[in-house]
């Protein structure tokens, strides 16, 4: 499905569970280069090996540092990990690697108060935090999820080209 390369990535996916894998493949099918990372290094290798030959490129990243390094700026990073503590753990792991203008997206089912807390913590650093549910299950993530982004206008301006390309459409055009 997707080529593998050390090319620059348009967006990153952290979390290669069912939803993360399928949403990443959706982006790749639409011609985006996607950096991928998971806490399980074998999951990264398997995903990259199983998916070659599509419009976009998969950039496997064994470390978050590499993930941040291969992204074009402004950097767009999607987390599809379990809600709650795992989201906070990813944010802590990204740490000071995140810089002004980056957009960090929680694509999971986080409690709205957690989203507000994370926005409040990251906004003073100039980092855009977006809560954007990815609805439609495995098939939706793969072929066109319902996306519900909530964040700043600046964050939406940065995410919009990708979100518009991969989201569900009423007429499928």
C-alpha atoms as a PDB file:
ATOM      1  CA  UNK A   1       0.000   0.000   0.000  1.00  0.00           C
ATOM      2  CA  UNK A   2       2.480   2.726   1.080  1.00  0.00           C
ATOM      3  CA  UNK A   3       6.120   3.294   0.261  1.00  0.00           C
ATOM      4  CA  UNK A   4       8.581   3.415   3.149  1.00  0.00           C
ATOM      5  CA  UNK A   5      11.171   6.123   3.174  1.00  0.00           C
ATOM      6  CA  UNK A   6      13.181   8.563   5.200  1.00  0.00           C
ATOM      7  CA  UNK A   7      11.268  11.329   3.438  1.00  0.00           C
ATOM      8  CA  UNK A   8       9.727  14.228   5.338  1.00  0.00           C
ATOM      9  CA  UNK A   9       6.285  13.570   6.790  1.00  0.00           C
ATOM     10  CA  UNK A  10       3.209  15.786   6.563  1.00  0.00           C
ATOM     11  CA  UNK A  11       1.649  14.402   9.734  1.00  0.00           C
ATOM     12  CA  UNK A  12       2.420  11.875  12.461  1.00  0.00           C
ATOM     13  CA  UNK A  13       0.358   9.106  14.011  1.00  0.00           C
ATOM     14  CA  UNK A  14       1.197   7.976  17.525  1.00  0.00           C
ATOM     15  CA  UNK A  15      -0.567   4.729  18.359  1.00  0.00           C
ATOM     16  CA  UNK A  16      -0.881   1.870  15.884  1.00  0.00           C
ATOM     17  CA  UNK A  17      -3.864   0.086  17.370  1.00  0.00           C
ATOM     18  CA  UNK A  18      -6.897  -0.581  15.185  1.00  0.00           C
ATOM     19  CA  UNK A  19      -7.928   3.078  14.901  1.00  0.00           C
ATOM     20  CA  UNK A  20      -4.420   4.514  14.532  1.00  0.00           C
ATOM     21  CA  UNK A  21      -3.398   2.008  11.858  1.00  0.00           C
ATOM     22  CA  UNK A  22      -6.513   2.570   9.810  1.00  0.00           C
ATOM     23  CA  UNK A  23      -6.507   6.350  10.125  1.00  0.00           C
ATOM     24  CA  UNK A  24      -2.824   6.447   9.101  1.00  0.00           C
ATOM     25  CA  UNK A  25      -3.597   4.301   6.037  1.00  0.00           C
ATOM     26  CA  UNK A  26      -6.466   6.628   5.125  1.00  0.00           C
ATOM     27  CA  UNK A  27      -4.020   9.554   5.132  1.00  0.00           C
ATOM     28  CA  UNK A  28      -1.450   7.617   3.108  1.00  0.00           C
ATOM     29  CA  UNK A  29      -4.100   6.683   0.533  1.00  0.00           C
ATOM     30  CA  UNK A  30      -4.813  10.393   0.125  1.00  0.00           C
ATOM     31  CA  UNK A  31      -1.166  11.076  -0.716  1.00  0.00           C
ATOM     32  CA  UNK A  32       0.103  12.265   2.657  1.00  0.00           C
ATOM     33  CA  UNK A  33       3.439  11.149   4.058  1.00  0.00           C
ATOM     34  CA  UNK A  34       2.757   9.810   7.553  1.00  0.00           C
ATOM     35  CA  UNK A  35       5.328   9.288  10.306  1.00  0.00           C
ATOM     36  CA  UNK A  36       4.203   6.462  12.599  1.00  0.00           C
ATOM     37  CA  UNK A  37       5.159   5.526  16.149  1.00  0.00           C
ATOM     38  CA  UNK A  38       3.945   3.072  18.779  1.00  0.00           C
ATOM     39  CA  UNK A  39       5.248   2.037  22.191  1.00  0.00           C
ATOM     40  CA  UNK A  40       5.710  -1.444  20.683  1.00  0.00           C
ATOM     41  CA  UNK A  41       8.642  -1.314  18.228  1.00  0.00           C
ATOM     42  CA  UNK A  42       7.450  -4.558  16.620  1.00  0.00           C
ATOM     43  CA  UNK A  43       4.104  -2.917  15.803  1.00  0.00           C
ATOM     44  CA  UNK A  44       5.951  -0.144  13.947  1.00  0.00           C
ATOM     45  CA  UNK A  45       8.001  -2.633  11.925  1.00  0.00           C
ATOM     46  CA  UNK A  46       4.979  -4.825  11.127  1.00  0.00           C
ATOM     47  CA  UNK A  47       2.865  -1.866  10.047  1.00  0.00           C
ATOM     48  CA  UNK A  48       5.583  -0.505   7.759  1.00  0.00           C
ATOM     49  CA  UNK A  49       6.327  -3.938   6.255  1.00  0.00           C
ATOM     50  CA  UNK A  50       2.672  -4.753   5.598  1.00  0.00           C
ATOM     51  CA  UNK A  51       1.816  -1.468   3.901  1.00  0.00           C
ATOM     52  CA  UNK A  52       3.761  -0.564   0.792  1.00  0.00           C
ATOM     53  CA  UNK A  53       2.763   0.836  -2.591  1.00  0.00           C
ATOM     54  CA  UNK A  54       0.154   3.609  -2.043  1.00  0.00           C
ATOM     55  CA  UNK A  55       0.072   7.290  -2.911  1.00  0.00           C
ATOM     56  CA  UNK A  56       1.758   8.450   0.287  1.00  0.00           C
ATOM     57  CA  UNK A  57       4.708   7.242   2.286  1.00  0.00           C
ATOM     58  CA  UNK A  58       4.932   5.631   5.702  1.00  0.00           C
ATOM     59  CA  UNK A  59       7.890   6.878   7.728  1.00  0.00           C
ATOM     60  CA  UNK A  60       8.467   4.410  10.599  1.00  0.00           C
ATOM     61  CA  UNK A  61       9.858   6.100  13.718  1.00  0.00           C
ATOM     62  CA  UNK A  62      11.183   4.007  16.584  1.00  0.00           C
ATOM     63  CA  UNK A  63      11.643   7.120  18.731  1.00  0.00           C
ATOM     64  CA  UNK A  64       9.576  10.230  19.330  1.00  0.00           C
ATOM     65  CA  UNK A  65      12.679  12.311  18.594  1.00  0.00           C
ATOM     66  CA  UNK A  66      12.867  10.858  15.084  1.00  0.00           C
ATOM     67  CA  UNK A  67       9.128  11.411  14.665  1.00  0.00           C
ATOM     68  CA  UNK A  68       9.526  15.090  15.545  1.00  0.00           C
ATOM     69  CA  UNK A  69      12.609  15.406  13.327  1.00  0.00           C
ATOM     70  CA  UNK A  70      10.954  14.056  10.149  1.00  0.00           C
ATOM     71  CA  UNK A  71       7.838  16.246  10.341  1.00  0.00           C
ATOM     72  CA  UNK A  72       7.469  19.344   8.200  1.00  0.00           C
ATOM     73  CA  UNK A  73       6.566  22.533  10.066  1.00  0.00           C
ATOM     74  CA  UNK A  74       4.153  23.395  11.419  1.00  0.00           C
ATOM     75  CA  UNK A  75       4.199  19.876  12.832  1.00  0.00           C
ATOM     76  CA  UNK A  76       0.904  17.976  13.015  1.00  0.00           C
ATOM     77  CA  UNK A  77       0.828  15.061  15.447  1.00  0.00           C
ATOM     78  CA  UNK A  78      -2.188  12.816  16.002  1.00  0.00           C
ATOM     79  CA  UNK A  79      -2.452  10.629  19.084  1.00  0.00           C
ATOM     80  CA  UNK A  80      -4.796   7.659  18.868  1.00  0.00           C
ATOM     81  CA  UNK A  81      -4.087   6.049  22.206  1.00  0.00           C
ATOM     82  CA  UNK A  82      -6.464   5.118  25.041  1.00  0.00           C
ATOM     83  CA  UNK A  83      -8.062   8.110  26.778  1.00  0.00           C
ATOM     84  CA  UNK A  84      -6.816   9.344  30.136  1.00  0.00           C
ATOM     85  CA  UNK A  85      -3.342   8.635  31.486  1.00  0.00           C
ATOM     86  CA  UNK A  86      -1.948   7.271  28.172  1.00  0.00           C
ATOM     87  CA  UNK A  87      -2.647  10.613  26.441  1.00  0.00           C
ATOM     88  CA  UNK A  88      -0.911  12.490  29.253  1.00  0.00           C
ATOM     89  CA  UNK A  89       2.016  10.045  29.050  1.00  0.00           C
ATOM     90  CA  UNK A  90       2.469  10.725  25.326  1.00  0.00           C
ATOM     91  CA  UNK A  91       2.348  14.486  25.922  1.00  0.00           C
ATOM     92  CA  UNK A  92       4.974  14.153  28.684  1.00  0.00           C
ATOM     93  CA  UNK A  93       7.129  11.959  26.425  1.00  0.00           C
ATOM     94  CA  UNK A  94       7.005  14.544  23.644  1.00  0.00           C
ATOM     95  CA  UNK A  95       8.003  17.087  26.287  1.00  0.00           C
ATOM     96  CA  UNK A  96      10.190  19.960  25.180  1.00  0.00           C
ATOM     97  CA  UNK A  97      10.374  18.490  21.686  1.00  0.00           C
ATOM     98  CA  UNK A  98       7.093  20.268  20.983  1.00  0.00           C
ATOM     99  CA  UNK A  99       7.599  23.873  19.930  1.00  0.00           C
ATOM    100  CA  UNK A 100       5.558  26.983  19.149  1.00  0.00           C
ATOM    101  CA  UNK A 101       3.174  26.399  16.245  1.00  0.00           C
ATOM    102  CA  UNK A 102       2.970  22.613  16.583  1.00  0.00           C
ATOM    103  CA  UNK A 103      -0.500  21.048  16.512  1.00  0.00           C
ATOM    104  CA  UNK A 104      -1.100  18.095  18.821  1.00  0.00           C
ATOM    105  CA  UNK A 105      -4.353  16.215  18.183  1.00  0.00           C
ATOM    106  CA  UNK A 106      -6.052  13.823  20.589  1.00  0.00           C
ATOM    107  CA  UNK A 107      -8.120  11.623  18.294  1.00  0.00           C
ATOM    108  CA  UNK A 108      -9.480   9.447  21.083  1.00  0.00           C
ATOM    109  CA  UNK A 109     -12.464   9.611  23.373  1.00  0.00           C
ATOM    110  CA  UNK A 110     -11.060  11.904  26.036  1.00  0.00           C
ATOM    111  CA  UNK A 111     -13.177  13.559  28.669  1.00  0.00           C
ATOM    112  CA  UNK A 112     -13.777  17.181  27.678  1.00  0.00           C
ATOM    113  CA  UNK A 113     -12.308  18.447  30.954  1.00  0.00           C
ATOM    114  CA  UNK A 114      -9.064  16.599  30.144  1.00  0.00           C
ATOM    115  CA  UNK A 115      -9.008  18.292  26.737  1.00  0.00           C
ATOM    116  CA  UNK A 116      -9.472  21.714  28.328  1.00  0.00           C
ATOM    117  CA  UNK A 117      -6.746  20.972  30.905  1.00  0.00           C
ATOM    118  CA  UNK A 118      -4.317  19.966  28.160  1.00  0.00           C
ATOM    119  CA  UNK A 119      -5.169  23.039  26.067  1.00  0.00           C
ATOM    120  CA  UNK A 120      -4.609  25.263  29.103  1.00  0.00           C
ATOM    121  CA  UNK A 121      -1.221  23.655  29.772  1.00  0.00           C
ATOM    122  CA  UNK A 122       0.054  23.793  26.182  1.00  0.00           C
ATOM    123  CA  UNK A 123      -1.338  27.109  24.907  1.00  0.00           C
ATOM    124  CA  UNK A 124       1.165  29.306  26.831  1.00  0.00           C
ATOM    125  CA  UNK A 125       3.962  27.465  24.975  1.00  0.00           C
ATOM    126  CA  UNK A 126       2.306  28.288  21.643  1.00  0.00           C
ATOM    127  CA  UNK A 127       1.330  24.657  21.056  1.00  0.00           C
ATOM    128  CA  UNK A 128      -2.128  24.070  19.623  1.00  0.00           C
ATOM    129  CA  UNK A 129      -3.981  21.219  21.334  1.00  0.00           C
ATOM    130  CA  UNK A 130      -6.990  19.885  19.453  1.00  0.00           C
ATOM    131  CA  UNK A 131      -9.536  17.386  20.651  1.00  0.00           C
ATOM    132  CA  UNK A 132     -10.787  15.710  17.483  1.00  0.00           C
ATOM    133  CA  UNK A 133     -12.836  12.587  17.881  1.00  0.00           C
ATOM    134  CA  UNK A 134     -12.436  10.016  15.103  1.00  0.00           C
ATOM    135  CA  UNK A 135     -15.807   8.320  14.743  1.00  0.00           C
ATOM    136  CA  UNK A 136     -16.849   5.406  12.580  1.00  0.00           C
ATOM    137  CA  UNK A 137     -14.825   2.560  14.021  1.00  0.00           C
ATOM    138  CA  UNK A 138     -12.212   0.637  12.084  1.00  0.00           C
ATOM    139  CA  UNK A 139     -13.929   1.056   8.699  1.00  0.00           C
ATOM    140  CA  UNK A 140     -14.622   4.740   9.269  1.00  0.00           C
ATOM    141  CA  UNK A 141     -11.025   5.443  10.264  1.00  0.00           C
ATOM    142  CA  UNK A 142      -9.820   3.618   7.163  1.00  0.00           C
ATOM    143  CA  UNK A 143     -12.183   5.010   4.553  1.00  0.00           C
ATOM    144  CA  UNK A 144     -13.641   8.242   5.935  1.00  0.00           C
ATOM    145  CA  UNK A 145     -14.304   8.959   9.588  1.00  0.00           C
ATOM    146  CA  UNK A 146     -16.549  11.591  11.032  1.00  0.00           C
ATOM    147  CA  UNK A 147     -14.039  14.074  12.452  1.00  0.00           C
ATOM    148  CA  UNK A 148     -15.056  16.503  15.181  1.00  0.00           C
ATOM    149  CA  UNK A 149     -12.183  18.934  15.800  1.00  0.00           C
ATOM    150  CA  UNK A 150     -12.270  21.418  18.636  1.00  0.00           C
ATOM    151  CA  UNK A 151      -9.462  23.920  19.052  1.00  0.00           C
ATOM    152  CA  UNK A 152      -8.193  27.280  17.868  1.00  0.00           C
ATOM    153  CA  UNK A 153      -8.775  28.762  14.414  1.00  0.00           C
ATOM    154  CA  UNK A 154      -5.018  28.660  13.847  1.00  0.00           C
ATOM    155  CA  UNK A 155      -4.951  24.934  14.598  1.00  0.00           C
ATOM    156  CA  UNK A 156      -7.851  24.343  12.207  1.00  0.00           C
ATOM    157  CA  UNK A 157      -6.067  26.291   9.449  1.00  0.00           C
ATOM    158  CA  UNK A 158      -3.100  23.921   9.836  1.00  0.00           C
ATOM    159  CA  UNK A 159      -5.142  20.693  10.078  1.00  0.00           C
ATOM    160  CA  UNK A 160      -7.810  21.548   7.539  1.00  0.00           C
ATOM    161  CA  UNK A 161      -6.131  20.296   4.323  1.00  0.00           C
ATOM    162  CA  UNK A 162      -5.610  16.834   5.783  1.00  0.00           C
ATOM    163  CA  UNK A 163      -8.904  16.630   7.694  1.00  0.00           C
ATOM    164  CA  UNK A 164     -10.865  17.708   4.604  1.00  0.00           C
ATOM    165  CA  UNK A 165      -9.120  15.096   2.461  1.00  0.00           C
ATOM    166  CA  UNK A 166      -9.654  12.113   4.766  1.00  0.00           C
ATOM    167  CA  UNK A 167     -13.037  12.814   6.395  1.00  0.00           C
ATOM    168  CA  UNK A 168     -16.331  11.140   5.545  1.00  0.00           C
ATOM    169  CA  UNK A 169     -18.418  12.766   2.857  1.00  0.00           C
ATOM    170  CA  UNK A 170     -22.128  12.578   2.296  1.00  0.00           C
ATOM    171  CA  UNK A 171     -21.694  12.229  -1.463  1.00  0.00           C
ATOM    172  CA  UNK A 172     -18.290  10.427  -1.272  1.00  0.00           C
ATOM    173  CA  UNK A 173     -16.847  12.966  -3.739  1.00  0.00           C
END
